PDB file of N, CA and C in Angstrom:
ATOM      1  N   UNK A   1       0.945  -1.146  -0.162  1.00  0.00           N
ATOM      2  CA  UNK A   1       0.030  -0.053  -0.135  1.00  0.00           C
ATOM      3  C   UNK A   1       0.781   1.141   0.064  1.00  0.00           C
ATOM      4  N   UNK A   2       0.507   2.206  -0.932  1.00  0.00           N
ATOM      5  CA  UNK A   2       1.537   3.575  -0.789  1.00  0.00           C
ATOM      6  C   UNK A   2       0.745   4.613   0.096  1.00  0.00           C
ATOM      7  N   UNK A   3       1.659   5.340   0.120  1.00  0.00           N
ATOM      8  CA  UNK A   3       1.262   6.469   1.205  1.00  0.00           C
ATOM      9  C   UNK A   3       0.832   7.825   0.638  1.00  0.00           C
ATOM     10  N   UNK A   4      -0.300   8.125   0.583  1.00  0.00           N
ATOM     11  CA  UNK A   4      -0.520   9.600  -0.271  1.00  0.00           C
ATOM     12  C   UNK A   4       0.441  10.756   0.233  1.00  0.00           C
ATOM     13  N   UNK A   5       1.132  11.390  -0.510  1.00  0.00           N
ATOM     14  CA  UNK A   5       1.751  12.446  -0.228  1.00  0.00           C
ATOM     15  C   UNK A   5       1.108  13.687   0.904  1.00  0.00           C
ATOM     16  N   UNK A   6       1.654  14.367   1.673  1.00  0.00           N
ATOM     17  CA  UNK A   6       1.066  15.216   2.311  1.00  0.00           C
ATOM     18  C   UNK A   6       0.801  16.450   1.677  1.00  0.00           C
ATOM     19  N   UNK A   7      -0.214  16.910   1.582  1.00  0.00           N
ATOM     20  CA  UNK A   7      -0.410  18.284   0.901  1.00  0.00           C
ATOM     21  C   UNK A   7      -0.726  19.386   1.560  1.00  0.00           C
ATOM     22  N   UNK A   8      -0.206  20.502   1.852  1.00  0.00           N
ATOM     23  CA  UNK A   8      -0.339  21.492   2.947  1.00  0.00           C
ATOM     24  C   UNK A   8      -1.246  22.542   2.112  1.00  0.00           C
ATOM     25  N   UNK A   9      -2.702  22.078   2.311  1.00  0.00           N
ATOM     26  CA  UNK A   9      -3.843  23.218   1.525  1.00  0.00           C
ATOM     27  C   UNK A   9      -3.686  24.661   2.222  1.00  0.00           C
ATOM     28  N   UNK A  10      -3.142  24.594   3.048  1.00  0.00           N
ATOM     29  CA  UNK A  10      -3.112  26.286   3.441  1.00  0.00           C
ATOM     30  C   UNK A  10      -1.960  26.878   2.937  1.00  0.00           C
ATOM     31  N   UNK A  11      -1.156  26.318   2.079  1.00  0.00           N
ATOM     32  CA  UNK A  11       0.361  27.194   1.674  1.00  0.00           C
ATOM     33  C   UNK A  11      -0.572  27.722   0.852  1.00  0.00           C
ATOM     34  N   UNK A  12       0.053  28.873   0.376  1.00  0.00           N
ATOM     35  CA  UNK A  12      -0.320  29.761  -0.673  1.00  0.00           C
ATOM     36  C   UNK A  12       0.715  29.414  -1.956  1.00  0.00           C
ATOM     37  N   UNK A  13       0.580  29.251  -2.858  1.00  0.00           N
ATOM     38  CA  UNK A  13       1.493  29.019  -3.958  1.00  0.00           C
ATOM     39  C   UNK A  13       1.587  30.234  -4.719  1.00  0.00           C
ATOM     40  N   UNK A  14       2.752  30.855  -5.156  1.00  0.00           N
ATOM     41  CA  UNK A  14       3.059  32.107  -5.981  1.00  0.00           C
ATOM     42  C   UNK A  14       2.781  31.681  -7.274  1.00  0.00           C
ATOM     43  N   UNK A  15       2.806  32.667  -8.110  1.00  0.00           N
ATOM     44  CA  UNK A  15       2.914  32.421  -9.596  1.00  0.00           C
ATOM     45  C   UNK A  15       4.349  32.592 -10.172  1.00  0.00           C
ATOM     46  N   UNK A  16       4.938  33.123  -9.412  1.00  0.00           N
ATOM     47  CA  UNK A  16       6.602  33.482 -10.122  1.00  0.00           C
ATOM     48  C   UNK A  16       7.233  33.158  -8.993  1.00  0.00           C
ATOM     49  N   UNK A  17       8.804  33.264  -9.421  1.00  0.00           N
ATOM     50  CA  UNK A  17       9.799  32.952  -8.694  1.00  0.00           C
ATOM     51  C   UNK A  17      10.670  34.149  -9.319  1.00  0.00           C
ATOM     52  N   UNK A  18      11.232  35.050  -8.313  1.00  0.00           N
ATOM     53  CA  UNK A  18      12.158  36.129  -8.199  1.00  0.00           C
ATOM     54  C   UNK A  18      11.413  37.365  -8.565  1.00  0.00           C
ATOM     55  N   UNK A  19      11.921  38.276  -9.112  1.00  0.00           N
ATOM     56  CA  UNK A  19      11.400  39.629  -9.823  1.00  0.00           C
ATOM     57  C   UNK A  19      11.475  39.873 -11.006  1.00  0.00           C
ATOM     58  N   UNK A  20      10.720  40.714 -11.815  1.00  0.00           N
ATOM     59  CA  UNK A  20      10.899  40.843 -12.966  1.00  0.00           C
ATOM     60  C   UNK A  20      11.736  42.049 -13.082  1.00  0.00           C
ATOM     61  N   UNK A  21      12.742  42.028 -14.159  1.00  0.00           N
ATOM     62  CA  UNK A  21      13.259  43.356 -14.284  1.00  0.00           C
ATOM     63  C   UNK A  21      12.644  44.167 -15.134  1.00  0.00           C
ATOM     64  N   UNK A  22      13.146  45.653 -15.225  1.00  0.00           N
ATOM     65  CA  UNK A  22      12.692  46.534 -16.096  1.00  0.00           C
ATOM     66  C   UNK A  22      13.536  46.590 -17.549  1.00  0.00           C
ATOM     67  N   UNK A  23      12.228  46.423 -18.320  1.00  0.00           N
ATOM     68  CA  UNK A  23      13.188  46.113 -19.728  1.00  0.00           C
ATOM     69  C   UNK A  23      13.628  47.621 -20.338  1.00  0.00           C
ATOM     70  N   UNK A  24      14.990  47.360 -20.748  1.00  0.00           N
ATOM     71  CA  UNK A  24      15.596  48.549 -21.296  1.00  0.00           C
ATOM     72  C   UNK A  24      14.809  49.198 -22.495  1.00  0.00           C
ATOM     73  N   UNK A  25      15.329  50.255 -22.283  1.00  0.00           N
ATOM     74  CA  UNK A  25      14.726  51.288 -23.556  1.00  0.00           C
ATOM     75  C   UNK A  25      15.338  50.925 -24.490  1.00  0.00           C
ATOM     76  N   UNK A  26      14.551  50.432 -25.947  1.00  0.00           N
ATOM     77  CA  UNK A  26      15.350  50.393 -26.946  1.00  0.00           C
ATOM     78  C   UNK A  26      16.309  51.384 -27.840  1.00  0.00           C
ATOM     79  N   UNK A  27      15.835  52.554 -27.475  1.00  0.00           N
ATOM     80  CA  UNK A  27      16.373  54.099 -28.524  1.00  0.00           C
ATOM     81  C   UNK A  27      17.375  54.224 -27.416  1.00  0.00           C
ATOM     82  N   UNK A  28      17.446  54.222 -26.183  1.00  0.00           N
ATOM     83  CA  UNK A  28      18.399  54.610 -25.544  1.00  0.00           C
ATOM     84  C   UNK A  28      19.393  53.710 -25.523  1.00  0.00           C
ATOM     85  N   UNK A  29      19.309  52.277 -25.489  1.00  0.00           N
ATOM     86  CA  UNK A  29      20.258  51.305 -25.732  1.00  0.00           C
ATOM     87  C   UNK A  29      20.868  51.414 -27.141  1.00  0.00           C
ATOM     88  N   UNK A  30      20.303  51.853 -28.244  1.00  0.00           N
ATOM     89  CA  UNK A  30      20.473  52.088 -29.597  1.00  0.00           C
ATOM     90  C   UNK A  30      21.904  52.922 -29.544  1.00  0.00           C
ATOM     91  N   UNK A  31      21.142  54.120 -29.227  1.00  0.00           N
ATOM     92  CA  UNK A  31      22.351  55.299 -28.785  1.00  0.00           C
ATOM     93  C   UNK A  31      23.624  54.841 -28.329  1.00  0.00           C
ATOM     94  N   UNK A  32      23.448  54.495 -27.190  1.00  0.00           N
ATOM     95  CA  UNK A  32      24.794  53.991 -26.495  1.00  0.00           C
ATOM     96  C   UNK A  32      25.352  52.999 -27.464  1.00  0.00           C
ATOM     97  N   UNK A  33      24.845  52.217 -27.999  1.00  0.00           N
ATOM     98  CA  UNK A  33      25.884  51.054 -28.919  1.00  0.00           C
ATOM     99  C   UNK A  33      26.448  52.030 -30.169  1.00  0.00           C
ATOM    100  N   UNK A  34      26.010  52.781 -30.494  1.00  0.00           N
ATOM    101  CA  UNK A  34      26.429  53.661 -31.759  1.00  0.00           C
ATOM    102  C   UNK A  34      27.220  54.309 -31.098  1.00  0.00           C
ATOM    103  N   UNK A  35      27.343  55.142 -29.703  1.00  0.00           N
ATOM    104  CA  UNK A  35      28.357  55.868 -29.493  1.00  0.00           C
ATOM    105  C   UNK A  35      29.758  55.136 -28.959  1.00  0.00           C
ATOM    106  N   UNK A  36      29.322  53.722 -28.571  1.00  0.00           N
ATOM    107  CA  UNK A  36      30.685  52.918 -28.386  1.00  0.00           C
ATOM    108  C   UNK A  36      31.282  52.478 -29.636  1.00  0.00           C
ATOM    109  N   UNK A  37      30.478  52.503 -30.744  1.00  0.00           N
ATOM    110  CA  UNK A  37      30.954  52.200 -31.865  1.00  0.00           C
ATOM    111  C   UNK A  37      31.866  53.246 -32.376  1.00  0.00           C
ATOM    112  N   UNK A  38      31.292  54.348 -32.182  1.00  0.00           N
ATOM    113  CA  UNK A  38      31.977  55.510 -32.405  1.00  0.00           C
ATOM    114  C   UNK A  38      33.668  55.848 -31.834  1.00  0.00           C
ATOM    115  N   UNK A  39      33.374  55.292 -30.548  1.00  0.00           N
ATOM    116  CA  UNK A  39      34.679  55.632 -29.729  1.00  0.00           C
ATOM    117  C   UNK A  39      35.636  54.574 -30.229  1.00  0.00           C
ATOM    118  N   UNK A  40      34.990  53.218 -30.566  1.00  0.00           N
ATOM    119  CA  UNK A  40      35.816  52.417 -31.065  1.00  0.00           C
ATOM    120  C   UNK A  40      36.802  52.699 -32.634  1.00  0.00           C
ATOM    121  N   UNK A  41      36.020  53.268 -33.327  1.00  0.00           N
ATOM    122  CA  UNK A  41      36.456  53.721 -34.697  1.00  0.00           C
ATOM    123  C   UNK A  41      37.442  54.891 -34.414  1.00  0.00           C
ATOM    124  N   UNK A  42      37.484  55.837 -33.465  1.00  0.00           N
ATOM    125  CA  UNK A  42      38.427  56.907 -33.028  1.00  0.00           C
ATOM    126  C   UNK A  42      39.483  56.328 -32.254  1.00  0.00           C
ATOM    127  N   UNK A  43      39.399  55.188 -31.646  1.00  0.00           N
ATOM    128  CA  UNK A  43      40.645  54.485 -30.773  1.00  0.00           C
ATOM    129  C   UNK A  43      41.636  54.247 -31.928  1.00  0.00           C
ATOM    130  N   UNK A  44      40.812  53.238 -32.795  1.00  0.00           N
ATOM    131  CA  UNK A  44      41.805  52.231 -33.541  1.00  0.00           C
ATOM    132  C   UNK A  44      42.089  53.009 -34.852  1.00  0.00           C
ATOM    133  N   UNK A  45      41.509  54.435 -34.830  1.00  0.00           N
ATOM    134  CA  UNK A  45      41.648  54.862 -36.487  1.00  0.00           C
ATOM    135  C   UNK A  45      41.303  54.156 -37.806  1.00  0.00           C
ATOM    136  N   UNK A  46      40.161  53.375 -37.506  1.00  0.00           N
ATOM    137  CA  UNK A  46      39.768  52.252 -38.448  1.00  0.00           C
ATOM    138  C   UNK A  46      38.184  52.226 -38.561  1.00  0.00           C
ATOM    139  N   UNK A  47      37.728  52.460 -39.749  1.00  0.00           N
ATOM    140  CA  UNK A  47      36.137  52.356 -40.075  1.00  0.00           C
ATOM    141  C   UNK A  47      36.148  51.319 -41.120  1.00  0.00           C
ATOM    142  N   UNK A  48      36.026  50.114 -40.809  1.00  0.00           N
ATOM    143  CA  UNK A  48      35.700  48.833 -41.874  1.00  0.00           C
ATOM    144  C   UNK A  48      34.242  48.913 -42.424  1.00  0.00           C
ATOM    145  N   UNK A  49      33.158  49.572 -41.859  1.00  0.00           N
ATOM    146  CA  UNK A  49      32.122  49.355 -42.620  1.00  0.00           C
ATOM    147  C   UNK A  49      31.472  51.141 -42.817  1.00  0.00           C
ATOM    148  N   UNK A  50      31.217  51.260 -44.274  1.00  0.00           N
ATOM    149  CA  UNK A  50      30.783  52.189 -44.509  1.00  0.00           C
ATOM    150  C   UNK A  50      29.639  52.830 -43.692  1.00  0.00           C
ATOM    151  N   UNK A  51      29.320  54.263 -43.490  1.00  0.00           N
ATOM    152  CA  UNK A  51      28.501  54.438 -42.739  1.00  0.00           C
ATOM    153  C   UNK A  51      27.091  54.610 -43.395  1.00  0.00           C
ATOM    154  N   UNK A  52      25.975  54.698 -42.854  1.00  0.00           N
ATOM    155  CA  UNK A  52      24.884  54.746 -43.164  1.00  0.00           C
ATOM    156  C   UNK A  52      23.815  53.619 -43.165  1.00  0.00           C
ATOM    157  N   UNK A  53      22.583  53.355 -43.807  1.00  0.00           N
ATOM    158  CA  UNK A  53      21.872  52.339 -44.039  1.00  0.00           C
ATOM    159  C   UNK A  53      21.949  51.390 -45.075  1.00  0.00           C
ATOM    160  N   UNK A  54      22.048  50.253 -44.683  1.00  0.00           N
ATOM    161  CA  UNK A  54      22.227  49.537 -45.804  1.00  0.00           C
ATOM    162  C   UNK A  54      21.205  48.474 -46.214  1.00  0.00           C
ATOM    163  N   UNK A  55      20.351  48.422 -47.085  1.00  0.00           N
ATOM    164  CA  UNK A  55      19.371  47.318 -46.987  1.00  0.00           C
ATOM    165  C   UNK A  55      19.924  46.421 -47.985  1.00  0.00           C
ATOM    166  N   UNK A  56      19.379  45.016 -48.098  1.00  0.00           N
ATOM    167  CA  UNK A  56      19.594  43.883 -48.965  1.00  0.00           C
ATOM    168  C   UNK A  56      18.214  42.913 -49.206  1.00  0.00           C
ATOM    169  N   UNK A  57      18.209  42.442 -50.300  1.00  0.00           N
ATOM    170  CA  UNK A  57      17.043  41.283 -50.425  1.00  0.00           C
ATOM    171  C   UNK A  57      17.154  40.220 -49.909  1.00  0.00           C
ATOM    172  N   UNK A  58      18.351  39.885 -49.970  1.00  0.00           N
ATOM    173  CA  UNK A  58      18.665  38.550 -49.098  1.00  0.00           C
ATOM    174  C   UNK A  58      19.918  38.486 -48.036  1.00  0.00           C
ATOM    175  N   UNK A  59      19.847  37.563 -47.193  1.00  0.00           N
ATOM    176  CA  UNK A  59      20.680  37.364 -46.196  1.00  0.00           C
ATOM    177  C   UNK A  59      21.965  36.862 -46.947  1.00  0.00           C
ATOM    178  N   UNK A  60      22.177  36.651 -47.985  1.00  0.00           N
ATOM    179  CA  UNK A  60      23.301  35.917 -48.753  1.00  0.00           C
ATOM    180  C   UNK A  60      23.885  36.919 -49.201  1.00  0.00           C
ATOM    181  N   UNK A  61      22.907  38.139 -49.785  1.00  0.00           N
ATOM    182  CA  UNK A  61      23.644  39.275 -50.571  1.00  0.00           C
ATOM    183  C   UNK A  61      24.341  40.209 -49.413  1.00  0.00           C
ATOM    184  N   UNK A  62      23.544  40.198 -48.060  1.00  0.00           N
ATOM    185  CA  UNK A  62      24.179  41.077 -47.186  1.00  0.00           C
ATOM    186  C   UNK A  62      25.347  40.284 -46.656  1.00  0.00           C
ATOM    187  N   UNK A  63      25.393  39.082 -46.514  1.00  0.00           N
ATOM    188  CA  UNK A  63      26.837  38.330 -45.998  1.00  0.00           C
ATOM    189  C   UNK A  63      27.918  38.619 -47.103  1.00  0.00           C
ATOM    190  N   UNK A  64      27.683  38.274 -48.325  1.00  0.00           N
ATOM    191  CA  UNK A  64      28.788  38.507 -49.303  1.00  0.00           C
ATOM    192  C   UNK A  64      29.267  40.277 -49.105  1.00  0.00           C
ATOM    193  N   UNK A  65      28.496  41.168 -49.075  1.00  0.00           N
ATOM    194  CA  UNK A  65      28.689  42.389 -49.001  1.00  0.00           C
ATOM    195  C   UNK A  65      29.513  42.792 -47.556  1.00  0.00           C
ATOM    196  N   UNK A  66      29.530  41.977 -46.369  1.00  0.00           N
ATOM    197  CA  UNK A  66      29.882  42.190 -45.118  1.00  0.00           C
ATOM    198  C   UNK A  66      31.410  41.750 -45.475  1.00  0.00           C
ATOM    199  N   UNK A  67      31.424  40.300 -46.230  1.00  0.00           N
ATOM    200  CA  UNK A  67      32.625  39.899 -46.528  1.00  0.00           C
ATOM    201  C   UNK A  67      33.689  40.689 -46.851  1.00  0.00           C
ATOM    202  N   UNK A  68      33.145  41.255 -48.194  1.00  0.00           N
ATOM    203  CA  UNK A  68      33.869  41.967 -49.167  1.00  0.00           C
ATOM    204  C   UNK A  68      34.377  43.457 -48.284  1.00  0.00           C
ATOM    205  N   UNK A  69      33.242  43.995 -47.162  1.00  0.00           N
ATOM    206  CA  UNK A  69      33.843  45.138 -46.490  1.00  0.00           C
ATOM    207  C   UNK A  69      35.173  44.588 -45.498  1.00  0.00           C
ATOM    208  N   UNK A  70      35.188  43.402 -45.032  1.00  0.00           N
ATOM    209  CA  UNK A  70      35.887  43.055 -44.226  1.00  0.00           C
ATOM    210  C   UNK A  70      37.376  42.647 -44.588  1.00  0.00           C
ATOM    211  N   UNK A  71      37.381  42.273 -46.256  1.00  0.00           N
ATOM    212  CA  UNK A  71      38.490  42.036 -46.899  1.00  0.00           C
ATOM    213  C   UNK A  71      38.973  43.323 -47.363  1.00  0.00           C
ATOM    214  N   UNK A  72      38.370  44.253 -47.485  1.00  0.00           N
ATOM    215  CA  UNK A  72      38.619  45.722 -47.870  1.00  0.00           C
ATOM    216  C   UNK A  72      39.484  46.490 -47.136  1.00  0.00           C
ATOM    217  N   UNK A  73      39.052  45.985 -45.473  1.00  0.00           N
ATOM    218  CA  UNK A  73      39.504  46.719 -44.400  1.00  0.00           C
ATOM    219  C   UNK A  73      40.907  46.337 -44.011  1.00  0.00           C
ATOM    220  N   UNK A  74      41.105  44.983 -44.528  1.00  0.00           N
ATOM    221  CA  UNK A  74      42.290  44.367 -44.437  1.00  0.00           C
ATOM    222  C   UNK A  74      43.566  44.731 -45.137  1.00  0.00           C
ATOM    223  N   UNK A  75      43.039  45.596 -46.445  1.00  0.00           N
ATOM    224  CA  UNK A  75      44.277  45.581 -47.610  1.00  0.00           C
ATOM    225  C   UNK A  75      44.690  47.151 -47.109  1.00  0.00           C
ATOM    226  N   UNK A  76      46.111  47.218 -47.277  1.00  0.00           N
ATOM    227  CA  UNK A  76      46.927  48.160 -47.037  1.00  0.00           C
ATOM    228  C   UNK A  76      46.395  49.572 -47.573  1.00  0.00           C
ATOM    229  N   UNK A  77      46.534  50.592 -46.913  1.00  0.00           N
ATOM    230  CA  UNK A  77      46.228  51.615 -47.590  1.00  0.00           C
ATOM    231  C   UNK A  77      47.224  52.474 -48.466  1.00  0.00           C
ATOM    232  N   UNK A  78      46.781  53.074 -49.669  1.00  0.00           N
ATOM    233  CA  UNK A  78      47.606  53.425 -50.499  1.00  0.00           C
ATOM    234  C   UNK A  78      47.597  55.030 -50.855  1.00  0.00           C
TER     235      UNK A  78
END
């Protein structure tokens, strides 16, 4: 004969564990990322990616462009 498990019916069961953290503001986080990138470029005097917004029709086209920019950044400046 198996014993039935003891269940405390007076115990309150919470719905969550821990506390929810505040969601970071997207615009502010983006601006901080851009500022960090700018400092990186100034520190190393190197800019491998052309500025601006780049739009591609496929992921393959975007990957090919990124590889082209990385290869170009490794070339000696004449």
